[in-house]
Protein backbone atom coordinates (compact mmCIF):
# COMPACT_ATOMS: atom_id res chain seq x y z
CA UNK A 1 -3.59 -29.95 -13.94
CA UNK A 2 -1.52 -32.63 -15.64
CA UNK A 3 -2.40 -36.33 -15.45
CA UNK A 4 0.85 -37.22 -13.69
CA UNK A 5 0.85 -34.69 -10.89
CA UNK A 6 -1.60 -32.39 -9.22
CA UNK A 7 0.54 -29.36 -9.90
CA UNK A 8 3.44 -29.32 -12.32
CA UNK A 9 6.41 -26.99 -12.14
CA UNK A 10 9.22 -26.62 -9.56
CA UNK A 11 8.72 -25.38 -6.02
CA UNK A 12 9.53 -21.68 -6.11
CA UNK A 13 11.00 -19.95 -3.12
CA UNK A 14 8.69 -17.70 -1.19
CA UNK A 15 11.31 -14.99 -1.58
CA UNK A 16 9.95 -14.46 -5.09
CA UNK A 17 6.81 -13.12 -3.47
CA UNK A 18 8.68 -11.00 -0.96
CA UNK A 19 6.37 -8.40 0.55
CA UNK A 20 7.10 -4.73 0.85
CA UNK A 21 7.14 -3.86 4.53
CA UNK A 22 4.71 -0.94 4.22
CA UNK A 23 1.88 -2.76 2.45
CA UNK A 24 -1.29 -3.59 4.38
CA UNK A 25 -2.75 -6.92 3.23
CA UNK A 26 -6.50 -7.63 3.38
CA UNK A 27 -8.09 -11.07 3.65
CA UNK A 28 -8.39 -11.34 -0.13
CA UNK A 29 -4.65 -10.55 -0.34
CA UNK A 30 -5.31 -7.10 -1.74
CA UNK A 31 -2.42 -4.76 -0.99
CA UNK A 32 -3.33 -1.32 0.23
CA UNK A 33 -0.26 0.53 -0.95
CA UNK A 34 -0.27 3.26 1.66
CA UNK A 35 3.21 4.68 1.91
CA UNK A 36 4.93 6.65 4.67
CA UNK A 37 4.82 10.41 4.27
CA UNK A 38 8.02 12.23 3.49
CA UNK A 39 9.65 14.42 6.11
CA UNK A 40 9.05 17.58 4.08
CA UNK A 41 5.31 16.98 3.77
CA UNK A 42 5.07 16.17 7.47
CA UNK A 43 6.82 19.43 8.33
CA UNK A 44 4.39 21.38 6.17
CA UNK A 45 1.41 19.70 7.83
CA UNK A 46 2.88 20.32 11.29
CA UNK A 47 3.40 24.02 10.52
CA UNK A 48 -0.25 24.35 9.48
CA UNK A 49 -1.38 22.64 12.68
CA UNK A 50 0.93 24.80 14.80
CA UNK A 51 -0.44 27.95 13.19
CA UNK A 52 -4.03 26.85 13.86
CA UNK A 53 -3.34 25.99 17.51
CA UNK A 54 -1.33 29.21 18.03
CA UNK A 55 -4.25 31.20 16.61
CA UNK A 56 -6.59 29.39 18.98
CA UNK A 57 -4.34 30.23 21.94
CA UNK A 58 -4.16 33.87 20.86
CA UNK A 59 -7.95 34.12 20.65
CA UNK A 60 -8.30 32.57 24.10
CA UNK A 61 -5.85 35.08 25.55
CA UNK A 62 -7.55 38.05 23.87
CA UNK A 63 -11.00 36.83 24.87
CA UNK A 64 -9.97 36.42 28.51
CA UNK A 65 -7.83 39.57 28.79
CA UNK A 66 -10.47 41.57 30.64
CA UNK A 67 -11.28 38.65 32.87
CA UNK A 68 -7.61 38.24 33.79
CA UNK A 69 -7.51 41.81 35.11
CA UNK A 70 -9.63 40.71 38.07
CA UNK A 71 -7.48 37.64 38.86
CA UNK A 72 -4.56 37.46 41.24
CA UNK A 73 -1.17 36.02 40.28
CA UNK A 74 -2.10 32.46 41.32
CA UNK A 75 -5.31 32.50 39.33
CA UNK A 76 -3.54 33.85 36.27
CA UNK A 77 -1.01 31.02 36.57
CA UNK A 78 -3.82 28.46 36.61
CA UNK A 79 -5.35 30.02 33.49
CA UNK A 80 -2.00 29.96 31.69
CA UNK A 81 -1.41 26.30 32.52
CA UNK A 82 -4.95 25.44 31.45
CA UNK A 83 -4.51 27.27 28.14
CA UNK A 84 -1.22 25.48 27.60
CA UNK A 85 -2.87 22.08 28.25
CA UNK A 86 -5.79 22.81 25.95
CA UNK A 87 -3.66 24.01 23.03
CA UNK A 88 -0.86 21.46 23.23
CA UNK A 89 -2.52 18.32 24.59
CA UNK A 90 -6.31 18.31 24.77
CA UNK A 91 -7.06 19.89 21.38
CA UNK A 92 -4.59 17.77 19.33
CA UNK A 93 -5.72 14.61 21.12
CA UNK A 94 -9.40 15.32 20.50
CA UNK A 95 -8.86 16.26 16.85
CA UNK A 96 -6.81 13.16 15.98
CA UNK A 97 -9.20 10.86 17.85
CA UNK A 98 -12.39 12.23 16.32
CA UNK A 99 -10.98 12.46 12.78
CA UNK A 100 -9.14 9.12 12.94
CA UNK A 101 -5.73 10.74 12.48
CA UNK A 102 -6.52 13.70 10.21
CA UNK A 103 -5.87 17.13 11.65
CA UNK A 104 -6.32 20.27 9.54
CA UNK A 105 -2.65 20.24 8.51
CA UNK A 106 -2.76 16.58 7.54
CA UNK A 107 -6.01 17.11 5.65
CA UNK A 108 -4.40 19.93 3.67
CA UNK A 109 -1.31 17.87 2.83
CA UNK A 110 -3.13 14.58 2.14
CA UNK A 111 -1.81 12.68 5.16
CA UNK A 112 -3.29 10.51 7.87
CA UNK A 113 -1.84 9.07 11.07
CA UNK A 114 -2.43 5.32 11.33
CA UNK A 115 -1.33 2.52 13.61
CA UNK A 116 1.61 0.34 12.61
CA UNK A 117 -0.87 -2.30 11.37
CA UNK A 118 -2.66 0.26 9.21
CA UNK A 119 -5.70 0.67 11.47
CA UNK A 120 -7.14 3.99 12.70
CA UNK A 121 -5.61 5.66 15.75
CA UNK A 122 -7.46 5.60 19.06
CA UNK A 123 -7.52 7.93 22.05
CA UNK A 124 -4.44 6.45 23.65
CA UNK A 125 -2.39 6.77 20.46
CA UNK A 126 -3.40 10.41 20.01
CA UNK A 127 -2.73 11.19 23.69
CA UNK A 128 0.76 9.69 23.62
CA UNK A 129 1.59 11.64 20.46
CA UNK A 130 0.30 14.90 21.97
CA UNK A 131 2.16 14.46 25.28
CA UNK A 132 5.41 13.62 23.50
CA UNK A 133 4.88 16.57 21.17
CA UNK A 134 5.28 18.99 24.07
CA UNK A 135 8.97 18.22 24.16
CA UNK A 136 9.81 17.31 20.59
CA UNK A 137 7.59 19.84 18.81
CA UNK A 138 7.01 22.85 21.04
CA UNK A 139 10.01 23.02 23.39
CA UNK A 140 12.58 22.15 20.70
CA UNK A 141 10.73 23.98 17.88
CA UNK A 142 10.34 20.68 16.03
CA UNK A 143 14.06 20.01 15.66
CA UNK A 144 13.96 16.77 17.65
CA UNK A 145 11.00 15.50 15.62
CA UNK A 146 12.73 16.34 12.32
CA UNK A 147 15.89 14.46 13.30
CA UNK A 148 13.89 11.42 14.45
CA UNK A 149 11.78 11.36 11.27
CA UNK A 150 14.82 11.78 9.05
CA UNK A 151 16.60 8.71 10.43
CA UNK A 152 13.53 6.46 10.67
CA UNK A 153 12.50 4.37 7.65
CA UNK A 154 8.84 5.26 8.11
CA UNK A 155 9.49 8.87 8.98
CA UNK A 156 8.42 8.41 12.60
CA UNK A 157 8.93 11.09 15.19
CA UNK A 158 9.40 10.13 18.86
CA UNK A 159 5.66 10.34 19.51
CA UNK A 160 5.04 7.84 16.72
CA UNK A 161 7.66 5.47 18.10
CA UNK A 162 6.05 5.51 21.54
CA UNK A 163 2.46 5.32 20.27
CA UNK A 164 3.06 2.73 17.53
CA UNK A 165 1.87 5.00 14.73
CA UNK A 166 3.14 6.70 11.59
CA UNK A 167 1.91 9.17 8.97
CA UNK A 168 0.93 7.88 5.53
CA UNK A 169 -0.11 9.43 2.26
CA UNK A 170 -3.76 8.92 1.43
CA UNK A 171 -3.93 10.71 -1.90
CA UNK A 172 -3.18 8.50 -4.85
CA UNK A 173 -1.72 5.82 -2.60
CA UNK A 174 -4.46 3.23 -2.86
CA UNK A 175 -4.66 0.68 -5.60
CA UNK A 176 -8.09 -0.79 -6.22
CA UNK A 177 -8.46 -4.37 -7.42
CA UNK A 178 -11.58 -5.96 -8.86
CA UNK A 179 -13.04 -8.31 -6.22
CA UNK A 180 -12.58 -12.02 -6.78
CA UNK A 181 -15.57 -14.33 -7.23
CA UNK A 182 -15.83 -17.88 -5.90
CA UNK A 183 -15.77 -20.47 -8.73
CA UNK A 184 -19.16 -22.22 -8.43
CA UNK A 185 -17.73 -25.74 -8.82
CA UNK A 186 -15.31 -25.14 -5.88
CA UNK A 187 -17.74 -23.49 -3.45
CA UNK A 188 -18.54 -26.72 -1.60
CA UNK A 189 -14.93 -27.79 -1.35
CA UNK A 190 -13.70 -24.35 -0.23
CA UNK A 191 -16.42 -24.07 2.42
CA UNK A 192 -15.25 -27.27 4.12
CA UNK A 193 -11.51 -27.02 3.47
CA UNK A 194 -9.02 -26.16 6.20
CA UNK A 195 -7.16 -23.12 4.88
CA UNK A 196 -4.17 -22.23 7.00
CA UNK A 197 -2.73 -18.71 7.11
CA UNK A 198 -0.91 -17.99 3.89
CA UNK A 199 2.32 -15.99 4.08
CA UNK A 200 1.45 -12.44 3.13
CA UNK A 201 3.97 -12.44 0.29
CA UNK A 202 2.53 -15.60 -1.24
CA UNK A 203 -1.07 -14.42 -0.92
CA UNK A 204 -0.18 -11.07 -2.47
CA UNK A 205 1.65 -12.74 -5.34
CA UNK A 206 -1.39 -14.93 -6.08
CA UNK A 207 -3.76 -11.96 -5.92
CA UNK A 208 -1.64 -9.83 -8.23
CA UNK A 209 -1.30 -12.72 -10.66
CA UNK A 210 -5.08 -13.14 -10.84
CA UNK A 211 -5.46 -9.43 -11.39
CA UNK A 212 -3.22 -9.32 -14.47
CA UNK A 213 -3.82 -12.63 -16.19
CA UNK A 214 -5.44 -10.83 -19.12
CA UNK A 215 -2.19 -9.08 -19.98
CA UNK A 216 0.01 -12.21 -19.88
CA UNK A 217 0.91 -14.55 -22.69
CA UNK A 218 -0.79 -17.98 -22.48
CA UNK A 219 2.48 -19.75 -21.75
CA UNK A 220 3.56 -17.35 -18.98
CA UNK A 221 0.07 -17.40 -17.51
CA UNK A 222 0.02 -21.19 -17.36
CA UNK A 223 3.52 -21.48 -15.89
CA UNK A 224 3.01 -18.83 -13.22
CA UNK A 225 -0.46 -20.08 -12.28
CA UNK A 226 0.80 -23.64 -11.90
CA UNK A 227 3.80 -22.54 -9.84
CA UNK A 228 1.71 -20.41 -7.48
CA UNK A 229 -0.88 -23.17 -7.08
CA UNK A 230 1.91 -25.57 -6.10
CA UNK A 231 3.07 -23.13 -3.42
CA UNK A 232 -0.43 -22.49 -2.04
CA UNK A 233 -1.58 -26.14 -1.95
CA UNK A 234 0.45 -27.11 1.21
CA UNK A 235 -1.62 -24.57 3.16
CA UNK A 236 -4.94 -26.20 2.18
CA UNK A 237 -6.46 -29.51 3.30
CA UNK A 238 -7.93 -31.51 1.72
CA UNK A 239 -6.51 -30.68 -1.71
CA UNK A 240 -8.92 -29.47 -4.37
CA UNK A 241 -10.72 -31.92 -6.64
CA UNK A 242 -8.57 -33.59 -9.24
CA UNK A 243 -8.46 -31.66 -12.49
CA UNK A 244 -9.07 -28.23 -10.91
CA UNK A 245 -7.68 -25.33 -12.92
CA UNK A 246 -4.82 -23.63 -10.97
CA UNK A 247 -6.27 -20.14 -11.42
CA UNK A 248 -9.69 -21.17 -10.15
CA UNK A 249 -8.04 -22.95 -7.21
CA UNK A 250 -6.17 -19.76 -6.26
CA UNK A 251 -9.35 -17.68 -6.55
CA UNK A 252 -11.30 -20.13 -4.38
CA UNK A 253 -8.65 -20.05 -1.64
CA UNK A 254 -8.44 -16.25 -1.55
CA UNK A 255 -12.21 -15.74 -1.65
CA UNK A 256 -12.78 -18.31 1.10
CA UNK A 257 -10.17 -16.68 3.30
CA UNK A 258 -11.70 -13.25 2.71
CA UNK A 259 -15.22 -14.45 3.54
CA UNK A 260 -14.06 -16.22 6.69
CA UNK A 261 -12.26 -13.15 7.97
CA UNK A 262 -15.38 -11.08 7.27
CA UNK A 263 -17.54 -13.56 9.19
CA UNK A 264 -15.15 -13.47 12.14
CA UNK A 265 -15.35 -9.68 12.16
CA UNK A 266 -19.16 -9.77 12.13
CA UNK A 267 -19.27 -12.21 15.04
CA UNK A 268 -16.86 -10.06 17.02
CA UNK A 269 -19.02 -6.99 16.44
CA UNK A 270 -22.16 -8.88 17.47
CA UNK A 271 -20.45 -9.99 20.68
CA UNK A 272 -19.46 -6.41 21.45
CA UNK A 273 -23.02 -5.16 20.85
CA UNK A 274 -24.48 -7.94 23.00
CA UNK A 275 -22.06 -7.21 25.80
CA UNK A 276 -22.79 -3.48 25.62
CA UNK A 277 -26.54 -4.16 25.79
CA UNK A 278 -26.06 -6.50 28.76
CA UNK A 279 -24.01 -3.93 30.64
CA UNK A 280 -26.61 -1.24 29.95
CA UNK A 281 -29.43 -3.33 31.45
CA UNK A 282 -30.42 -2.87 35.08
CA UNK A 283 -29.18 -5.54 37.51
CA UNK A 284 -31.33 -8.65 37.86
CA UNK A 285 -34.36 -8.07 40.06
CA UNK A 286 -34.10 -4.29 40.03
CA UNK A 287 -37.06 -2.59 38.39
CA UNK A 288 -37.14 0.79 36.77
CA UNK A 289 -39.44 2.82 39.01
CA UNK A 290 -39.63 5.84 36.70
CA UNK A 291 -43.09 6.23 35.16
CA UNK A 292 -43.42 5.73 31.45
CA UNK A 293 -44.65 8.42 29.10
CA UNK A 294 -44.09 12.20 29.10
CA UNK A 295 -43.29 13.97 32.31
């Protein structure tokens, strides 16, 4: 810092740190550069899945052929509907839920279905996708899904639009950054400071700057560090101690934010486990009458 001002340099517009819409930002402002899958790759993955499910349906029909000979027309209709439900709804839903969005076709093509916020898909997301797929994949031979994915920026088919999901590439799409370390002299200040939510673009710009300082010239490094520190400081109270190096200030803010988000996640998980244990207990005053030991 200079002796005349805490941070020197002009206020830069946050547009300089504009964020790509498909990046997922962690608490430390690390960008997980997972990108939407192309339509061609999605078609290839869908064809593999369709072949697998069609083979499963064929085996079910062959295996139950002798059994069907003893059924009447109504019973055969029930079996056909059940087979249709298993192949087109139940199986895809179960596979995507259990594998967190990776069917055999997506595994072969290096894709994964994720929520719009980058998180793993749940049962309801997989079910909505499977139900919508009856019309846009099976009944229209995939033509409706191809048109929808071609006009959507993230390559979403109708099932993705309804479920709030999209397919991303998971091979070679992640960029790993070395974790930041809290500067020892700022640990006390950062632990007590009120750090408001940084705009994702600003946090990402600061994180990327800290990750490539070794490749910058001293002058550019000083100018950019000072400018970013001036942009981040309004989101922190109280300000850091006088004379703090801008780079160490940025590192302290990002590390503190990361650690706080991690602590919040741990507390949420502990609450869920406590609630699950409480629900599993017998009601108050009711005793377990089953004898202990082997029966």
